[in-house]
Amino acid sequence: MIVIPVKDGENIERALKRFKRKIEKTGVVKELRIRQAFEKPSITRRTEIKKAIYIEDLQRSEE
């Protein structure tokens, strides 16, 4: 459970910003998006390979 202590007189916007940063660091939202729909391991491997090829092509084009 994430707890954000809010000081007296602190702006609510700043507290929300701290809350969002903490949530993002824990990776809760990313995990929820991944778990929404099942993806076969072969498809995840395929997308990782495509991503690696894309990044490699970008690095080659820079040189």
Protein backbone atom coordinates (compact mmCIF):
# COMPACT_ATOMS: atom_id res chain seq x y z
CA MET A 1 0.00 0.00 0.00
CA ILE A 2 1.36 3.39 -0.99
CA VAL A 3 1.16 6.13 1.61
CA ILE A 4 1.80 9.77 0.75
CA PRO A 5 2.09 12.03 3.80
CA VAL A 6 0.65 15.46 3.02
CA LYS A 7 2.09 18.30 5.07
CA ASP A 8 -0.03 21.15 6.39
CA GLY A 9 -0.39 23.86 3.78
CA GLU A 10 1.04 21.69 1.01
CA ASN A 11 -0.45 22.08 -2.43
CA ILE A 12 -2.63 19.13 -3.43
CA GLU A 13 -1.14 19.21 -6.94
CA ARG A 14 2.33 18.57 -5.53
CA ALA A 15 1.05 15.67 -3.42
CA LEU A 16 -0.65 14.16 -6.47
CA LYS A 17 2.56 14.49 -8.45
CA ARG A 18 4.47 12.61 -5.72
CA PHE A 19 1.76 9.93 -5.68
CA LYS A 20 1.95 9.46 -9.45
CA ARG A 21 5.74 9.16 -9.31
CA LYS A 22 5.55 6.50 -6.59
CA ILE A 23 2.92 4.54 -8.54
CA GLU A 24 5.05 4.67 -11.68
CA LYS A 25 8.15 3.46 -9.82
CA THR A 26 6.32 0.43 -8.46
CA GLY A 27 5.11 -0.54 -11.95
CA VAL A 28 1.54 -1.29 -10.88
CA VAL A 29 -0.10 0.31 -13.92
CA LYS A 30 2.28 -1.42 -16.34
CA GLU A 31 1.56 -4.77 -14.70
CA LEU A 32 -2.20 -4.20 -14.98
CA ARG A 33 -1.95 -3.40 -18.68
CA ILE A 34 0.07 -6.55 -19.30
CA ARG A 35 -2.40 -8.72 -17.39
CA GLN A 36 -5.50 -7.37 -19.13
CA ALA A 37 -5.13 -9.81 -22.00
CA PHE A 38 -3.14 -13.02 -22.21
CA GLU A 39 -0.37 -13.06 -24.77
CA LYS A 40 1.25 -16.27 -25.88
CA PRO A 41 4.97 -16.59 -25.07
CA SER A 42 5.79 -17.04 -28.75
CA ILE A 43 4.16 -13.69 -29.55
CA THR A 44 6.02 -11.89 -26.76
CA ARG A 45 9.30 -13.33 -28.06
CA ARG A 46 8.43 -12.24 -31.58
CA THR A 47 7.70 -8.67 -30.48
CA GLU A 48 10.94 -8.53 -28.46
CA ILE A 49 12.91 -9.70 -31.51
CA LYS A 50 11.21 -7.12 -33.73
CA LYS A 51 12.00 -4.40 -31.20
CA ALA A 52 15.64 -5.48 -31.02
CA ILE A 53 15.94 -5.45 -34.81
CA TYR A 54 14.37 -1.99 -34.96
CA ILE A 55 16.78 -0.61 -32.34
CA GLU A 56 19.74 -2.21 -34.09
CA ASP A 57 18.72 -0.62 -37.41
CA LEU A 58 18.44 2.78 -35.71
CA GLN A 59 21.92 2.44 -34.25
CA ARG A 60 23.34 1.41 -37.63
CA SER A 61 21.74 4.38 -39.36
CA GLU A 62 23.33 6.78 -36.84
CA GLU A 63 26.83 5.57 -37.74
